[in-house]
Amino acid sequence: MKAKPPIRIVVSLPILFVSLPILFLSLGGPARAEDPMRKSPPPAQGMLQDFVEHYRAFAPESLSFVVEIKLREPSETWRVVVSPGARVELLQGTEGDQPAFVFSMAGETLRRIHAGEIAALTAGGKALASDVAPLEVEFGEGAKALSAPQQAMLEFLQRFFNRESPERILLGTEHSRIVHGAHAIPLYYAPGFRSAWYRIVKGQRLNEEGDRNPFPQAFIIISGAGSARIGDRTVAIHAGESFYVPPASDHVVWTDNQDGLVLLWLAWGEGA
């Protein structure tokens, strides 16, 4: 996905937040057996408590912050309170310290994340800050107490909203959203690193002329064929190839292939 500086939550999340995206052909793996005792999803409290139980193994030992989760349909507000010693509590309501992050979503979005149908980074991915996503992110007053609030927010999104061990992300068009012009699934973000999965179909263009990033990137073509504009050159691209994108270069990908094109997007270095 096309990456954009943390000011766009691809949030380029192509990559979640300034460049966040990704995709696959049916790489989801075997379907999970349905629990006969749970035909319908648990209420919001049950889903959030599932996330809390998983997150305790990943919660930071020394940080203290509050995350507010606002749900629509049903209209509920929950707070996840993280305290030193990796203590994590789920509380209902808005009473307490100012939140560092506020996540807003419909109850159906929470259900899909809980079921593993869509990753939280995918639900929150944006090409531009003005875009609207199923999972909206705001920074609260509590973020001022954190030395790296954006990184803390990304870490929380990746770790908290994935309740499987080892954690997994399903790849495929049905698990993606269109960000930066193509089907995208953000994968993993860390300081100086971003990754995403993309699927491009005929008629789509991943990024536009003039979309550039100050850090190096690479496209790894997984399946299909198409064309890419990298810098001032247009090249044919095929499965089994990787292309380096220098900093501050145009990077646009498209295909006339009826079967589409699948690629992995990587970005690294300062600013990524």
C-alpha atoms as a PDB file:
ATOM      1  CA  MET A   1       0.000   0.000   0.000  1.00  0.00           C
ATOM      2  CA  LYS A   2       1.201   3.298  -0.421  1.00  0.00           C
ATOM      3  CA  ALA A   3       2.795   4.687   2.486  1.00  0.00           C
ATOM      4  CA  LYS A   4       2.338   8.172   3.728  1.00  0.00           C
ATOM      5  CA  PRO A   5       3.885   9.836   6.631  1.00  0.00           C
ATOM      6  CA  PRO A   6       2.195   9.291   9.966  1.00  0.00           C
ATOM      7  CA  ILE A   7      -0.021  12.167   9.197  1.00  0.00           C
ATOM      8  CA  ARG A   8      -2.318  10.044   7.148  1.00  0.00           C
ATOM      9  CA  ILE A   9      -3.234   7.089   9.176  1.00  0.00           C
ATOM     10  CA  VAL A  10      -2.426   4.260   6.476  1.00  0.00           C
ATOM     11  CA  VAL A  11      -2.718   5.889   8.672  1.00  0.00           C
ATOM     12  CA  SER A  12      -0.466   4.479   4.847  1.00  0.00           C
ATOM     13  CA  LEU A  13      -1.785   1.801   8.912  1.00  0.00           C
ATOM     14  CA  PRO A  14      -1.033   0.639   3.635  1.00  0.00           C
ATOM     15  CA  ILE A  15       0.091   0.530   6.766  1.00  0.00           C
ATOM     16  CA  LEU A  16      -2.129   2.001   9.341  1.00  0.00           C
ATOM     17  CA  PHE A  17      -1.819   5.547   9.811  1.00  0.00           C
ATOM     18  CA  VAL A  18      -0.137   7.377   7.257  1.00  0.00           C
ATOM     19  CA  SER A  19       0.254   4.532   4.879  1.00  0.00           C
ATOM     20  CA  LEU A  20      -1.489   1.446   6.033  1.00  0.00           C
ATOM     21  CA  PRO A  21      -2.687  -1.436   3.675  1.00  0.00           C
ATOM     22  CA  ILE A  22      -2.606  -5.247   2.281  1.00  0.00           C
ATOM     23  CA  LEU A  23      -4.262  -8.455   0.702  1.00  0.00           C
ATOM     24  CA  PHE A  24      -4.226 -12.153  -0.390  1.00  0.00           C
ATOM     25  CA  LEU A  25      -5.794 -14.722  -2.601  1.00  0.00           C
ATOM     26  CA  SER A  26      -7.395 -17.001  -0.117  1.00  0.00           C
ATOM     27  CA  LEU A  27      -4.495 -17.305   2.192  1.00  0.00           C
ATOM     28  CA  GLY A  28      -6.723 -17.501   5.174  1.00  0.00           C
ATOM     29  CA  GLY A  29      -6.005 -21.106   5.951  1.00  0.00           C
ATOM     30  CA  PRO A  30      -8.510 -23.683   7.155  1.00  0.00           C
ATOM     31  CA  ALA A  31     -11.786 -22.415   8.506  1.00  0.00           C
ATOM     32  CA  ARG A  32     -12.205 -22.541  12.252  1.00  0.00           C
ATOM     33  CA  ALA A  33     -14.856 -24.875  13.606  1.00  0.00           C
ATOM     34  CA  GLU A  34     -17.929 -23.064  14.881  1.00  0.00           C
ATOM     35  CA  ASP A  35     -18.480 -23.327  18.597  1.00  0.00           C
ATOM     36  CA  PRO A  36     -21.912 -24.995  18.911  1.00  0.00           C
ATOM     37  CA  MET A  37     -22.395 -23.301  22.278  1.00  0.00           C
ATOM     38  CA  ARG A  38     -21.926 -19.834  20.817  1.00  0.00           C
ATOM     39  CA  LYS A  39     -24.099 -19.344  17.761  1.00  0.00           C
ATOM     40  CA  SER A  40     -24.197 -15.581  18.239  1.00  0.00           C
ATOM     41  CA  PRO A  41     -21.379 -13.244  19.305  1.00  0.00           C
ATOM     42  CA  PRO A  42     -21.051 -12.366  22.994  1.00  0.00           C
ATOM     43  CA  PRO A  43     -22.103  -8.877  24.121  1.00  0.00           C
ATOM     44  CA  ALA A  44     -19.594  -6.043  23.869  1.00  0.00           C
ATOM     45  CA  GLN A  45     -18.394  -6.568  27.424  1.00  0.00           C
ATOM     46  CA  GLY A  46     -17.626 -10.224  26.726  1.00  0.00           C
ATOM     47  CA  MET A  47     -15.709  -9.430  23.537  1.00  0.00           C
ATOM     48  CA  LEU A  48     -13.704  -6.667  25.198  1.00  0.00           C
ATOM     49  CA  GLN A  49     -12.932  -8.893  28.178  1.00  0.00           C
ATOM     50  CA  ASP A  50     -11.602 -11.542  25.770  1.00  0.00           C
ATOM     51  CA  PHE A  51      -9.239  -8.920  24.356  1.00  0.00           C
ATOM     52  CA  VAL A  52      -8.182  -7.829  27.857  1.00  0.00           C
ATOM     53  CA  GLU A  53      -7.294 -11.390  28.872  1.00  0.00           C
ATOM     54  CA  HIS A  54      -5.092 -11.798  25.794  1.00  0.00           C
ATOM     55  CA  TYR A  55      -3.503  -8.365  26.071  1.00  0.00           C
ATOM     56  CA  ARG A  56      -2.223  -8.932  29.602  1.00  0.00           C
ATOM     57  CA  ALA A  57       0.663 -10.941  28.129  1.00  0.00           C
ATOM     58  CA  PHE A  58       1.685  -7.972  25.957  1.00  0.00           C
ATOM     59  CA  ALA A  59       0.867  -4.937  28.127  1.00  0.00           C
ATOM     60  CA  PRO A  60       3.881  -2.697  28.845  1.00  0.00           C
ATOM     61  CA  GLU A  61       5.423  -3.177  32.271  1.00  0.00           C
ATOM     62  CA  SER A  62       6.178   0.478  32.977  1.00  0.00           C
ATOM     63  CA  LEU A  63       3.545   2.520  31.116  1.00  0.00           C
ATOM     64  CA  SER A  64       0.275   3.827  32.484  1.00  0.00           C
ATOM     65  CA  PHE A  65      -2.525   4.987  30.175  1.00  0.00           C
ATOM     66  CA  VAL A  66      -6.247   4.768  29.511  1.00  0.00           C
ATOM     67  CA  VAL A  67      -7.963   3.800  26.257  1.00  0.00           C
ATOM     68  CA  GLU A  68     -11.597   4.769  25.761  1.00  0.00           C
ATOM     69  CA  ILE A  69     -13.686   2.614  23.419  1.00  0.00           C
ATOM     70  CA  LYS A  70     -16.919   4.217  22.216  1.00  0.00           C
ATOM     71  CA  LEU A  71     -19.434   1.873  20.607  1.00  0.00           C
ATOM     72  CA  ARG A  72     -22.439   2.633  18.457  1.00  0.00           C
ATOM     73  CA  GLU A  73     -25.313   0.153  18.200  1.00  0.00           C
ATOM     74  CA  PRO A  74     -25.278  -0.555  21.074  1.00  0.00           C
ATOM     75  CA  SER A  75     -24.310   2.827  22.495  1.00  0.00           C
ATOM     76  CA  GLU A  76     -21.756   2.010  25.192  1.00  0.00           C
ATOM     77  CA  THR A  77     -18.479   3.447  26.437  1.00  0.00           C
ATOM     78  CA  TRP A  78     -15.748   1.270  27.918  1.00  0.00           C
ATOM     79  CA  ARG A  79     -12.321   2.079  29.290  1.00  0.00           C
ATOM     80  CA  VAL A  80      -9.240  -0.108  29.243  1.00  0.00           C
ATOM     81  CA  VAL A  81      -6.948   0.986  32.080  1.00  0.00           C
ATOM     82  CA  VAL A  82      -3.308  -0.070  31.755  1.00  0.00           C
ATOM     83  CA  SER A  83      -1.168   0.319  34.901  1.00  0.00           C
ATOM     84  CA  PRO A  84       2.489  -0.425  35.719  1.00  0.00           C
ATOM     85  CA  GLY A  85       3.187  -4.094  36.187  1.00  0.00           C
ATOM     86  CA  ALA A  86       1.154  -4.980  33.068  1.00  0.00           C
ATOM     87  CA  ARG A  87      -2.112  -4.600  34.975  1.00  0.00           C
ATOM     88  CA  VAL A  88      -5.117  -4.271  32.644  1.00  0.00           C
ATOM     89  CA  GLU A  89      -8.703  -3.573  33.715  1.00  0.00           C
ATOM     90  CA  LEU A  90     -11.932  -3.161  31.761  1.00  0.00           C
ATOM     91  CA  LEU A  91     -14.345  -0.582  33.186  1.00  0.00           C
ATOM     92  CA  GLN A  92     -17.626   0.789  31.876  1.00  0.00           C
ATOM     93  CA  GLY A  93     -18.310   4.511  31.604  1.00  0.00           C
ATOM     94  CA  THR A  94     -16.175   7.617  31.301  1.00  0.00           C
ATOM     95  CA  GLU A  95     -15.161   8.235  34.914  1.00  0.00           C
ATOM     96  CA  GLY A  96     -11.447   8.387  35.639  1.00  0.00           C
ATOM     97  CA  ASP A  97      -8.224   9.715  34.131  1.00  0.00           C
ATOM     98  CA  GLN A  98      -8.168  11.365  30.715  1.00  0.00           C
ATOM     99  CA  PRO A  99      -7.767   8.784  27.929  1.00  0.00           C
ATOM    100  CA  ALA A 100      -4.644   8.701  25.807  1.00  0.00           C
ATOM    101  CA  PHE A 101      -6.580   7.262  22.866  1.00  0.00           C
ATOM    102  CA  VAL A 102     -10.254   7.147  21.948  1.00  0.00           C
ATOM    103  CA  PHE A 103     -11.467   4.451  19.543  1.00  0.00           C
ATOM    104  CA  SER A 104     -14.944   4.834  18.051  1.00  0.00           C
ATOM    105  CA  MET A 105     -16.687   2.082  16.082  1.00  0.00           C
ATOM    106  CA  ALA A 106     -20.010   0.369  15.514  1.00  0.00           C
ATOM    107  CA  GLY A 107     -20.811  -2.769  17.448  1.00  0.00           C
ATOM    108  CA  GLU A 108     -20.629  -4.720  14.175  1.00  0.00           C
ATOM    109  CA  THR A 109     -17.042  -3.569  13.637  1.00  0.00           C
ATOM    110  CA  LEU A 110     -16.109  -4.817  17.094  1.00  0.00           C
ATOM    111  CA  ARG A 111     -17.795  -8.134  16.297  1.00  0.00           C
ATOM    112  CA  ARG A 112     -15.830  -8.523  13.052  1.00  0.00           C
ATOM    113  CA  ILE A 113     -12.553  -7.732  14.809  1.00  0.00           C
ATOM    114  CA  HIS A 114     -13.377 -10.173  17.610  1.00  0.00           C
ATOM    115  CA  ALA A 115     -14.198 -12.885  15.044  1.00  0.00           C
ATOM    116  CA  GLY A 116     -10.908 -12.253  13.221  1.00  0.00           C
ATOM    117  CA  GLU A 117     -12.718 -11.194  10.042  1.00  0.00           C
ATOM    118  CA  ILE A 118     -10.857  -7.888   9.928  1.00  0.00           C
ATOM    119  CA  ALA A 119      -7.797  -6.649  11.815  1.00  0.00           C
ATOM    120  CA  ALA A 120      -8.020  -3.473  13.887  1.00  0.00           C
ATOM    121  CA  LEU A 121      -5.262  -1.854  11.814  1.00  0.00           C
ATOM    122  CA  THR A 122      -7.285  -2.595   8.683  1.00  0.00           C
ATOM    123  CA  ALA A 123     -10.451  -1.174  10.228  1.00  0.00           C
ATOM    124  CA  GLY A 124      -8.584   2.016  11.157  1.00  0.00           C
ATOM    125  CA  GLY A 125      -6.512   2.422   7.987  1.00  0.00           C
ATOM    126  CA  LYS A 126      -6.657   5.728   6.124  1.00  0.00           C
ATOM    127  CA  ALA A 127      -4.899   7.316   3.192  1.00  0.00           C
ATOM    128  CA  LEU A 128      -5.779  10.807   4.430  1.00  0.00           C
ATOM    129  CA  ALA A 129      -6.598  12.037   7.915  1.00  0.00           C
ATOM    130  CA  SER A 130      -9.897  13.379   6.536  1.00  0.00           C
ATOM    131  CA  ASP A 131     -11.027   9.906   5.372  1.00  0.00           C
ATOM    132  CA  VAL A 132     -13.657   8.073   7.408  1.00  0.00           C
ATOM    133  CA  ALA A 133     -12.820   4.565   8.655  1.00  0.00           C
ATOM    134  CA  PRO A 134     -14.877   1.908  10.473  1.00  0.00           C
ATOM    135  CA  LEU A 135     -12.564   2.364  13.452  1.00  0.00           C
ATOM    136  CA  GLU A 136     -11.858   6.032  14.185  1.00  0.00           C
ATOM    137  CA  VAL A 137      -8.883   7.030  16.325  1.00  0.00           C
ATOM    138  CA  GLU A 138      -8.435  10.218  18.334  1.00  0.00           C
ATOM    139  CA  PHE A 139      -5.656  11.235  20.684  1.00  0.00           C
ATOM    140  CA  GLY A 140      -6.849  12.394  24.093  1.00  0.00           C
ATOM    141  CA  GLU A 141      -5.269  14.577  26.749  1.00  0.00           C
ATOM    142  CA  GLY A 142      -3.700  11.508  28.345  1.00  0.00           C
ATOM    143  CA  ALA A 143      -1.471  11.039  25.278  1.00  0.00           C
ATOM    144  CA  LYS A 144       0.627  14.023  26.399  1.00  0.00           C
ATOM    145  CA  ALA A 145       2.109  11.903  29.177  1.00  0.00           C
ATOM    146  CA  LEU A 146       3.484   9.352  26.687  1.00  0.00           C
ATOM    147  CA  SER A 147       6.877   9.870  25.055  1.00  0.00           C
ATOM    148  CA  ALA A 148       5.807   8.262  21.753  1.00  0.00           C
ATOM    149  CA  PRO A 149       1.994   8.392  21.635  1.00  0.00           C
ATOM    150  CA  GLN A 150       1.558   7.338  18.007  1.00  0.00           C
ATOM    151  CA  GLN A 151       3.758   4.286  18.445  1.00  0.00           C
ATOM    152  CA  ALA A 152       1.964   3.406  21.679  1.00  0.00           C
ATOM    153  CA  MET A 153      -1.359   3.671  19.870  1.00  0.00           C
ATOM    154  CA  LEU A 154      -0.215   1.411  17.014  1.00  0.00           C
ATOM    155  CA  GLU A 155       1.195  -1.113  19.453  1.00  0.00           C
ATOM    156  CA  PHE A 156      -2.101  -1.163  21.335  1.00  0.00           C
ATOM    157  CA  LEU A 157      -4.153  -1.612  18.147  1.00  0.00           C
ATOM    158  CA  GLN A 158      -1.983  -4.503  17.002  1.00  0.00           C
ATOM    159  CA  ARG A 159      -1.718  -6.318  20.325  1.00  0.00           C
ATOM    160  CA  PHE A 160      -5.018  -5.615  22.111  1.00  0.00           C
ATOM    161  CA  PHE A 161      -7.432  -6.430  19.287  1.00  0.00           C
ATOM    162  CA  ASN A 162      -5.907  -9.807  18.359  1.00  0.00           C
ATOM    163  CA  ARG A 163      -6.915 -12.551  20.804  1.00  0.00           C
ATOM    164  CA  GLU A 164      -5.218 -15.537  19.147  1.00  0.00           C
ATOM    165  CA  SER A 165      -1.864 -16.970  20.158  1.00  0.00           C
ATOM    166  CA  PRO A 166       0.234 -16.871  18.131  1.00  0.00           C
ATOM    167  CA  GLU A 167      -1.432 -13.803  16.696  1.00  0.00           C
ATOM    168  CA  ARG A 168      -2.547 -14.065  13.091  1.00  0.00           C
ATOM    169  CA  ILE A 169      -4.035 -11.796  10.432  1.00  0.00           C
ATOM    170  CA  LEU A 170      -6.268 -13.259   7.728  1.00  0.00           C
ATOM    171  CA  LEU A 171      -5.388 -12.212   4.195  1.00  0.00           C
ATOM    172  CA  GLY A 172      -7.840 -11.878   1.345  1.00  0.00           C
ATOM    173  CA  THR A 173     -10.150  -9.378  -0.299  1.00  0.00           C
ATOM    174  CA  GLU A 174     -12.929 -10.197   2.173  1.00  0.00           C
ATOM    175  CA  HIS A 175     -10.676  -9.163   5.071  1.00  0.00           C
ATOM    176  CA  SER A 176      -9.462  -5.934   3.448  1.00  0.00           C
ATOM    177  CA  ARG A 177     -10.562  -2.364   2.856  1.00  0.00           C
ATOM    178  CA  ILE A 178      -9.766  -0.109  -0.089  1.00  0.00           C
ATOM    179  CA  VAL A 179      -7.041   2.281   1.038  1.00  0.00           C
ATOM    180  CA  HIS A 180      -4.718   4.177  -1.310  1.00  0.00           C
ATOM    181  CA  GLY A 181      -6.833   2.938  -4.221  1.00  0.00           C
ATOM    182  CA  ALA A 182      -6.517  -0.839  -3.696  1.00  0.00           C
ATOM    183  CA  HIS A 183      -7.572  -3.622  -1.334  1.00  0.00           C
ATOM    184  CA  ALA A 184      -5.296  -3.263   1.696  1.00  0.00           C
ATOM    185  CA  ILE A 185      -4.511  -5.062   4.925  1.00  0.00           C
ATOM    186  CA  PRO A 186      -1.900  -3.446   7.176  1.00  0.00           C
ATOM    187  CA  LEU A 187       0.331  -6.095   8.688  1.00  0.00           C
ATOM    188  CA  TYR A 188       2.952  -5.027  11.224  1.00  0.00           C
ATOM    189  CA  TYR A 189       4.173  -1.622  12.381  1.00  0.00           C
ATOM    190  CA  ALA A 190       7.162  -0.847  14.533  1.00  0.00           C
ATOM    191  CA  PRO A 191       9.456   2.173  14.898  1.00  0.00           C
ATOM    192  CA  GLY A 192      11.079   2.572  11.481  1.00  0.00           C
ATOM    193  CA  PHE A 193       9.106  -0.246   9.853  1.00  0.00           C
ATOM    194  CA  ARG A 194       5.725  -0.721   8.153  1.00  0.00           C
ATOM    195  CA  SER A 195       4.245  -3.557   6.139  1.00  0.00           C
ATOM    196  CA  ALA A 196       1.002  -4.296   4.350  1.00  0.00           C
ATOM    197  CA  TRP A 197      -0.710  -6.647   1.958  1.00  0.00           C
ATOM    198  CA  TYR A 198      -2.413  -5.360  -1.186  1.00  0.00           C
ATOM    199  CA  ARG A 199      -4.554  -6.750  -3.926  1.00  0.00           C
ATOM    200  CA  ILE A 200      -5.008  -4.645  -7.045  1.00  0.00           C
ATOM    201  CA  VAL A 201      -7.692  -5.506  -9.583  1.00  0.00           C
ATOM    202  CA  LYS A 202      -8.202  -4.189 -13.083  1.00  0.00           C
ATOM    203  CA  GLY A 203      -9.276  -0.555 -12.926  1.00  0.00           C
ATOM    204  CA  GLN A 204      -7.572   0.139  -9.582  1.00  0.00           C
ATOM    205  CA  ARG A 205      -4.358   2.080  -9.045  1.00  0.00           C
ATOM    206  CA  LEU A 206      -2.330   1.742  -5.891  1.00  0.00           C
ATOM    207  CA  ASN A 207      -1.309   5.346  -5.203  1.00  0.00           C
ATOM    208  CA  GLU A 208      -1.320   8.273  -7.600  1.00  0.00           C
ATOM    209  CA  GLU A 209       1.343  10.279  -9.385  1.00  0.00           C
ATOM    210  CA  GLY A 210       2.962  12.573  -6.848  1.00  0.00           C
ATOM    211  CA  ASP A 211       2.405  10.219  -3.902  1.00  0.00           C
ATOM    212  CA  ARG A 212       5.838  10.005  -2.333  1.00  0.00           C
ATOM    213  CA  ASN A 213       7.435   9.091   0.982  1.00  0.00           C
ATOM    214  CA  PRO A 214      10.721  10.225   2.544  1.00  0.00           C
ATOM    215  CA  PHE A 215      11.812   6.661   3.378  1.00  0.00           C
ATOM    216  CA  PRO A 216      12.769   3.621   1.245  1.00  0.00           C
ATOM    217  CA  GLN A 217      10.127   1.079   0.275  1.00  0.00           C
ATOM    218  CA  ALA A 218       9.769  -2.181  -1.629  1.00  0.00           C
ATOM    219  CA  PHE A 219       7.047  -4.005  -3.537  1.00  0.00           C
ATOM    220  CA  ILE A 220       7.212  -7.818  -3.429  1.00  0.00           C
ATOM    221  CA  ILE A 221       4.973  -9.282  -6.142  1.00  0.00           C
ATOM    222  CA  ILE A 222       3.231 -12.421  -4.867  1.00  0.00           C
ATOM    223  CA  SER A 223       0.902 -13.250  -7.747  1.00  0.00           C
ATOM    224  CA  GLY A 224      -0.310 -11.817 -11.037  1.00  0.00           C
ATOM    225  CA  ALA A 225       1.294  -9.243 -13.302  1.00  0.00           C
ATOM    226  CA  GLY A 226       0.935  -5.564 -14.057  1.00  0.00           C
ATOM    227  CA  SER A 227       2.851  -2.312 -14.309  1.00  0.00           C
ATOM    228  CA  ALA A 228       4.521   0.050 -11.881  1.00  0.00           C
ATOM    229  CA  ARG A 229       5.648   3.640 -12.108  1.00  0.00           C
ATOM    230  CA  ILE A 230       8.721   3.991  -9.894  1.00  0.00           C
ATOM    231  CA  GLY A 231      10.366   7.383 -10.017  1.00  0.00           C
ATOM    232  CA  ASP A 232      10.449   8.424 -13.691  1.00  0.00           C
ATOM    233  CA  ARG A 233      10.318   4.886 -15.102  1.00  0.00           C
ATOM    234  CA  THR A 234       7.426   2.564 -15.945  1.00  0.00           C
ATOM    235  CA  VAL A 235       8.214  -1.148 -15.704  1.00  0.00           C
ATOM    236  CA  ALA A 236       6.377  -4.443 -16.165  1.00  0.00           C
ATOM    237  CA  ILE A 237       6.065  -6.398 -12.919  1.00  0.00           C
ATOM    238  CA  HIS A 238       5.423 -10.117 -12.398  1.00  0.00           C
ATOM    239  CA  ALA A 239       5.022 -12.625  -9.572  1.00  0.00           C
ATOM    240  CA  GLY A 240       8.369 -13.666  -8.126  1.00  0.00           C
ATOM    241  CA  GLU A 241       9.907 -10.194  -8.384  1.00  0.00           C
ATOM    242  CA  SER A 242      10.693  -7.446  -5.884  1.00  0.00           C
ATOM    243  CA  PHE A 243      11.150  -3.756  -6.687  1.00  0.00           C
ATOM    244  CA  TYR A 244      12.950  -1.161  -4.603  1.00  0.00           C
ATOM    245  CA  VAL A 245      11.414   2.310  -4.330  1.00  0.00           C
ATOM    246  CA  PRO A 246      13.959   5.011  -3.412  1.00  0.00           C
ATOM    247  CA  PRO A 247      12.924   7.763  -0.986  1.00  0.00           C
ATOM    248  CA  ALA A 248      10.917  10.645  -2.480  1.00  0.00           C
ATOM    249  CA  SER A 249       9.960   8.603  -5.572  1.00  0.00           C
ATOM    250  CA  ASP A 250       6.566   8.163  -7.204  1.00  0.00           C
ATOM    251  CA  HIS A 251       5.315   4.587  -6.743  1.00  0.00           C
ATOM    252  CA  VAL A 252       2.115   3.709  -8.578  1.00  0.00           C
ATOM    253  CA  VAL A 253       1.004   0.148  -9.368  1.00  0.00           C
ATOM    254  CA  TRP A 254      -1.819  -1.051 -11.644  1.00  0.00           C
ATOM    255  CA  THR A 255      -2.847  -4.087 -13.698  1.00  0.00           C
ATOM    256  CA  ASP A 256      -4.881  -5.045 -16.770  1.00  0.00           C
ATOM    257  CA  ASN A 257      -4.796  -8.671 -15.661  1.00  0.00           C
ATOM    258  CA  GLN A 258      -8.298 -10.054 -15.060  1.00  0.00           C
ATOM    259  CA  ASP A 259      -6.951 -12.125 -12.161  1.00  0.00           C
ATOM    260  CA  GLY A 260      -5.505  -9.071 -10.448  1.00  0.00           C
ATOM    261  CA  LEU A 261      -2.180  -8.560  -8.735  1.00  0.00           C
ATOM    262  CA  VAL A 262      -1.140  -9.294  -5.141  1.00  0.00           C
ATOM    263  CA  LEU A 263       1.884  -7.728  -3.473  1.00  0.00           C
ATOM    264  CA  LEU A 264       3.484  -7.104  -0.110  1.00  0.00           C
ATOM    265  CA  TRP A 265       4.519  -3.562   0.729  1.00  0.00           C
ATOM    266  CA  LEU A 266       7.461  -2.819   3.016  1.00  0.00           C
ATOM    267  CA  ALA A 267       8.773   0.514   4.296  1.00  0.00           C
ATOM    268  CA  TRP A 268      11.660   1.160   6.646  1.00  0.00           C
ATOM    269  CA  GLY A 269      14.030   3.799   7.918  1.00  0.00           C
ATOM    270  CA  GLU A 270      13.554   7.150   9.571  1.00  0.00           C
ATOM    271  CA  GLY A 271       9.972   8.370   9.277  1.00  0.00           C
ATOM    272  CA  ALA A 272       8.492   4.983   8.410  1.00  0.00           C
END
